[in-house]
Amino acid sequence: MFYVNRIAVAALVVAGISSMATPVKANENKQDENHITIGVGVLMEKDPFIDSETRDYPLPYISIQQGAYYFEGTETGVHFDTDEGGVTPGIDVYVAGRFLSGQDRGKITADAGARLSLKTDYGTLSAEYRRDITDTFNGGETIARYSIPISMGKFTLTPAVQVNWMDRKTANHMYGVTTKQQAKMINKGRDVILPLSQINDDALNLGGDVTLTAQLNDRLTLFGVLSGAYLDKSIRNSAAVDQKWEASAIMGLGYTF
């Protein structure tokens, strides 16, 4: 999901990663109180492209909440909710960065989206729609997610499952290989030159993640995230893709002011 040329502008969400195909965000674990948290993490990723190797990068972490406003990961927006007797419906309206995985495919775009969520004692269910606003690929994506936090003293374990539906334009942007991208690989003398490929259908990716946080003290939080996604057949059929899965892992430390 991330690549080295975006490290300077990326931020890490303690709450977790949805899947490699989507930007970082997990609304159900946002801290309830106003806060500013900064930190650093290490990202390890395995993309699905031909002969790809697991790569690891340092990654900054920033989380801000002031009233309804939040900045989390690569997403910023406003969040509103209300407690209805143990059931908390909520809505987020946001702008979020979108990034490409794979060497020499790096491109930063932005989406606008809205998320509806329902938080109960049995976990949080959410549904959202996001769409490109940079006129780069003009596609959209729908995401349904369920997670449940499990508290164990200073530790919180949060498993989650997720379904991502991408229209054809979004799937092609995320997993296709263009002539410009291929030319960059050739110019840099890469050992592996991905073949030109185009995704010609929409895609339904199935993903999941597990987040573990440890509250070391009032200021310091240690966190780890393991995530993966099973790719749709329309993506797996690409000449540039030879893996059915993509995955990532993150470890880091955050300090709250």
Protein backbone atom coordinates (compact mmCIF):
# COMPACT_ATOMS: atom_id res chain seq x y z
CA MET A 1 0.00 0.00 0.00
CA PHE A 2 2.84 2.37 0.76
CA TYR A 3 6.03 2.88 -1.19
CA VAL A 4 9.25 4.67 -0.32
CA ASN A 5 8.63 7.84 -2.35
CA ARG A 6 5.62 8.71 -0.20
CA ILE A 7 7.22 8.18 3.23
CA ALA A 8 7.79 11.91 3.77
CA VAL A 9 4.06 12.66 3.56
CA ALA A 10 2.52 9.45 4.89
CA ALA A 11 1.20 9.00 8.44
CA LEU A 12 0.39 5.86 10.35
CA VAL A 13 -2.94 5.08 12.03
CA VAL A 14 -2.63 3.20 15.32
CA ALA A 15 -6.11 1.82 14.79
CA GLY A 16 -5.03 -0.42 11.94
CA ILE A 17 -4.94 -1.05 8.21
CA SER A 18 -7.95 -2.12 6.23
CA SER A 19 -6.23 -3.76 3.26
CA MET A 20 -3.34 -3.15 0.94
CA ALA A 21 -5.66 -1.79 -1.68
CA THR A 22 -6.92 1.07 0.39
CA PRO A 23 -5.56 3.98 2.39
CA VAL A 24 -5.14 3.59 6.17
CA LYS A 25 -8.17 4.25 8.35
CA ALA A 26 -10.14 2.43 11.06
CA ASN A 27 -12.79 4.72 12.46
CA GLU A 28 -13.89 2.36 15.23
CA ASN A 29 -10.69 2.85 17.23
CA LYS A 30 -10.37 6.62 17.16
CA GLN A 31 -9.62 7.99 20.60
CA ASP A 32 -12.65 9.63 22.16
CA GLU A 33 -10.83 12.57 23.76
CA ASN A 34 -9.12 15.49 22.07
CA HIS A 35 -5.49 14.62 21.48
CA ILE A 36 -2.37 15.14 19.40
CA THR A 37 -0.22 12.04 19.01
CA ILE A 38 2.99 11.67 17.04
CA GLY A 39 5.34 8.76 16.64
CA VAL A 40 7.25 6.52 14.30
CA GLY A 41 6.75 3.05 12.92
CA VAL A 42 8.24 0.50 10.55
CA LEU A 43 6.17 -0.77 7.62
CA MET A 44 6.79 -4.12 5.93
CA GLU A 45 4.82 -4.81 2.76
CA LYS A 46 4.43 -7.58 0.19
CA ASP A 47 2.72 -6.44 -3.00
CA PRO A 48 1.19 -8.91 -5.51
CA PHE A 49 3.29 -8.01 -8.56
CA ILE A 50 5.69 -10.36 -10.35
CA ASP A 51 8.80 -11.35 -8.34
CA SER A 52 8.16 -8.69 -5.70
CA GLU A 53 10.11 -8.88 -2.46
CA THR A 54 9.04 -7.88 1.03
CA ARG A 55 10.16 -4.30 1.65
CA ASP A 56 10.38 -2.35 4.90
CA TYR A 57 10.33 1.42 5.40
CA PRO A 58 10.31 3.87 8.32
CA LEU A 59 6.98 5.63 8.61
CA PRO A 60 5.83 8.68 10.61
CA TYR A 61 2.65 8.48 12.66
CA ILE A 62 0.30 11.41 13.30
CA SER A 63 -3.13 11.39 14.96
CA ILE A 64 -5.08 14.55 15.82
CA GLN A 65 -8.59 15.01 17.17
CA GLN A 66 -10.04 18.37 18.18
CA GLY A 67 -13.79 18.27 18.63
CA ALA A 68 -15.40 16.94 15.46
CA TYR A 69 -12.24 17.46 13.41
CA TYR A 70 -9.72 14.65 13.01
CA PHE A 71 -6.54 13.88 11.12
CA GLU A 72 -5.67 10.19 11.10
CA GLY A 73 -3.23 8.46 8.81
CA THR A 74 -3.68 10.00 5.37
CA GLU A 75 -7.27 11.00 6.10
CA THR A 76 -8.71 14.24 7.46
CA GLY A 77 -12.33 15.19 8.02
CA VAL A 78 -15.11 15.61 10.55
CA HIS A 79 -16.82 12.94 12.64
CA PHE A 80 -20.24 13.20 14.32
CA ASP A 81 -21.95 10.59 16.46
CA THR A 82 -24.62 10.27 19.14
CA ASP A 83 -25.19 7.73 21.91
CA GLU A 84 -28.60 6.10 21.60
CA GLY A 85 -28.74 3.90 24.68
CA GLY A 86 -25.62 1.83 24.07
CA VAL A 87 -25.79 2.05 20.29
CA THR A 88 -23.73 4.82 18.70
CA PRO A 89 -24.45 5.73 15.07
CA GLY A 90 -21.89 8.01 13.44
CA ILE A 91 -20.89 9.67 10.21
CA ASP A 92 -17.55 10.83 8.80
CA VAL A 93 -17.05 13.15 5.85
CA TYR A 94 -13.43 13.17 4.75
CA VAL A 95 -10.65 13.63 2.22
CA ALA A 96 -8.00 10.90 2.08
CA GLY A 97 -4.82 10.14 0.17
CA ARG A 98 -4.62 7.14 -2.14
CA PHE A 99 -1.32 5.42 -2.93
CA LEU A 100 -0.15 2.66 -5.25
CA SER A 101 1.84 -0.41 -4.25
CA GLY A 102 4.70 -1.81 -6.29
CA GLN A 103 8.09 -0.48 -7.30
CA ASP A 104 8.09 2.58 -9.63
CA ARG A 105 4.30 2.78 -9.61
CA GLY A 106 4.16 5.49 -6.96
CA LYS A 107 1.47 8.10 -7.51
CA ILE A 108 -0.38 10.17 -4.93
CA THR A 109 -4.04 11.06 -5.51
CA ALA A 110 -6.87 12.11 -3.21
CA ASP A 111 -10.41 10.84 -2.62
CA ALA A 112 -13.43 12.43 -1.00
CA GLY A 113 -15.75 10.13 0.89
CA ALA A 114 -18.42 9.56 3.50
CA ARG A 115 -18.62 6.79 6.10
CA LEU A 116 -21.59 5.59 8.12
CA SER A 117 -20.84 3.57 11.26
CA LEU A 118 -22.74 1.79 14.00
CA LYS A 119 -20.88 1.07 17.25
CA THR A 120 -22.32 -1.40 19.76
CA ASP A 121 -21.08 -3.67 22.54
CA TYR A 122 -20.63 -6.32 19.84
CA GLY A 123 -18.27 -4.28 17.69
CA THR A 124 -18.43 -1.63 14.99
CA LEU A 125 -19.98 -2.02 11.56
CA SER A 126 -19.28 0.62 8.91
CA ALA A 127 -19.94 1.29 5.25
CA GLU A 128 -18.36 4.01 3.11
CA TYR A 129 -17.98 5.30 -0.40
CA ARG A 130 -14.98 7.24 -1.68
CA ARG A 131 -14.16 8.69 -5.09
CA ASP A 132 -11.16 10.24 -6.84
CA ILE A 133 -11.23 14.07 -6.80
CA THR A 134 -7.97 14.69 -8.65
CA ASP A 135 -9.31 13.82 -12.13
CA THR A 136 -6.59 11.15 -12.35
CA PHE A 137 -8.71 8.01 -12.78
CA ASN A 138 -12.25 9.18 -11.87
CA GLY A 139 -13.19 5.95 -10.14
CA GLY A 140 -14.87 5.02 -6.90
CA GLU A 141 -14.74 2.40 -4.16
CA THR A 142 -17.22 1.01 -1.62
CA ILE A 143 -15.97 -0.49 1.66
CA ALA A 144 -17.85 -2.54 4.28
CA ARG A 145 -16.03 -3.34 7.53
CA TYR A 146 -16.65 -5.04 10.87
CA SER A 147 -14.31 -4.97 13.88
CA ILE A 148 -14.48 -5.74 17.56
CA PRO A 149 -11.97 -4.53 20.19
CA ILE A 150 -11.01 -6.97 22.94
CA SER A 151 -9.61 -5.31 26.06
CA MET A 152 -6.98 -7.16 28.12
CA GLY A 153 -5.79 -4.69 30.75
CA LYS A 154 -3.17 -2.48 29.14
CA PHE A 155 -3.53 -4.38 25.88
CA THR A 156 -6.28 -4.06 23.26
CA LEU A 157 -6.63 -6.62 20.46
CA THR A 158 -8.86 -5.61 17.54
CA PRO A 159 -9.56 -8.15 14.78
CA ALA A 160 -11.47 -6.92 11.73
CA VAL A 161 -12.82 -8.17 8.40
CA GLN A 162 -13.46 -6.04 5.35
CA VAL A 163 -14.88 -6.16 1.83
CA ASN A 164 -13.71 -3.66 -0.82
CA TRP A 165 -15.58 -3.21 -4.09
CA MET A 166 -13.70 -1.17 -6.72
CA ASP A 167 -15.16 -0.10 -10.02
CA ARG A 168 -13.12 -0.85 -13.16
CA LYS A 169 -11.40 2.54 -13.24
CA THR A 170 -10.23 2.24 -9.62
CA ALA A 171 -9.10 -1.38 -9.99
CA ASN A 172 -7.11 -0.49 -13.10
CA HIS A 173 -5.52 2.51 -11.36
CA MET A 174 -4.53 0.39 -8.36
CA TYR A 175 -3.27 -2.71 -10.16
CA GLY A 176 -2.73 -1.94 -13.84
CA VAL A 177 0.67 -1.10 -15.33
CA THR A 178 0.92 1.88 -17.69
CA THR A 179 3.49 2.68 -20.37
CA LYS A 180 4.81 5.52 -18.20
CA GLN A 181 5.30 3.22 -15.23
CA GLN A 182 7.00 0.59 -17.37
CA ALA A 183 9.30 3.22 -18.91
CA LYS A 184 10.35 4.31 -15.41
CA MET A 185 11.28 0.70 -14.56
CA ILE A 186 13.35 0.43 -17.74
CA ASN A 187 15.10 3.77 -17.17
CA LYS A 188 16.04 2.75 -13.63
CA GLY A 189 17.39 -0.60 -14.82
CA ARG A 190 15.13 -2.72 -12.62
CA ASP A 191 15.75 -6.46 -12.55
CA VAL A 192 12.03 -7.03 -13.08
CA ILE A 193 10.14 -5.02 -15.73
CA LEU A 194 6.41 -5.47 -15.25
CA PRO A 195 4.48 -6.09 -18.46
CA LEU A 196 1.86 -3.58 -19.57
CA SER A 197 -1.50 -4.62 -18.15
CA GLN A 198 -5.00 -3.27 -17.81
CA ILE A 199 -7.74 -4.38 -15.44
CA ASN A 200 -10.92 -4.59 -17.50
CA ASP A 201 -13.51 -5.34 -14.82
CA ASP A 202 -14.49 -4.25 -11.34
CA ALA A 203 -12.97 -6.04 -8.34
CA LEU A 204 -14.17 -7.37 -5.00
CA ASN A 205 -11.26 -7.85 -2.57
CA LEU A 206 -11.68 -9.64 0.78
CA GLY A 207 -9.45 -8.43 3.59
CA GLY A 208 -8.78 -8.62 7.27
CA ASP A 209 -6.45 -7.20 9.89
CA VAL A 210 -5.48 -7.57 13.53
CA THR A 211 -4.33 -4.61 15.61
CA LEU A 212 -2.61 -4.87 19.00
CA THR A 213 -2.00 -1.80 21.14
CA ALA A 214 -0.25 -1.64 24.50
CA GLN A 215 -0.67 1.43 26.75
CA LEU A 216 2.79 1.69 28.28
CA ASN A 217 1.88 4.78 30.34
CA ASP A 218 -0.31 7.90 30.09
CA ARG A 219 1.72 9.14 27.10
CA LEU A 220 3.26 6.18 25.29
CA THR A 221 1.42 3.61 23.18
CA LEU A 222 3.09 0.64 21.49
CA PHE A 223 1.21 -0.79 18.52
CA GLY A 224 1.36 -3.46 15.85
CA VAL A 225 -0.83 -4.20 12.84
CA LEU A 226 -0.97 -7.25 10.60
CA SER A 227 -3.21 -7.07 7.52
CA GLY A 228 -3.87 -8.82 4.25
CA ALA A 229 -6.29 -9.06 1.34
CA TYR A 230 -7.34 -11.77 -1.11
CA LEU A 231 -7.52 -10.24 -4.58
CA ASP A 232 -10.39 -10.52 -7.01
CA LYS A 233 -10.04 -12.73 -10.10
CA SER A 234 -10.04 -9.67 -12.37
CA ILE A 235 -6.80 -8.55 -10.66
CA ARG A 236 -5.24 -12.02 -10.40
CA ASN A 237 -5.65 -12.47 -14.17
CA SER A 238 -3.35 -9.50 -14.84
CA ALA A 239 -0.07 -10.34 -16.59
CA ALA A 240 1.74 -8.16 -14.03
CA VAL A 241 0.33 -9.97 -10.97
CA ASP A 242 1.49 -13.41 -9.82
CA GLN A 243 0.16 -13.47 -6.24
CA LYS A 244 -3.38 -13.99 -4.99
CA TRP A 245 -2.65 -12.07 -1.78
CA GLU A 246 -1.06 -8.85 -0.64
CA ALA A 247 -0.06 -8.17 2.96
CA SER A 248 1.58 -5.73 5.33
CA ALA A 249 2.78 -5.47 8.92
CA ILE A 250 3.51 -2.40 11.04
CA MET A 251 5.14 -1.86 14.41
CA GLY A 252 5.52 1.51 16.07
CA LEU A 253 5.45 3.79 19.09
CA GLY A 254 3.29 6.88 19.64
CA TYR A 255 3.50 9.75 22.14
CA THR A 256 0.35 11.67 23.11
CA PHE A 257 0.55 15.33 24.18
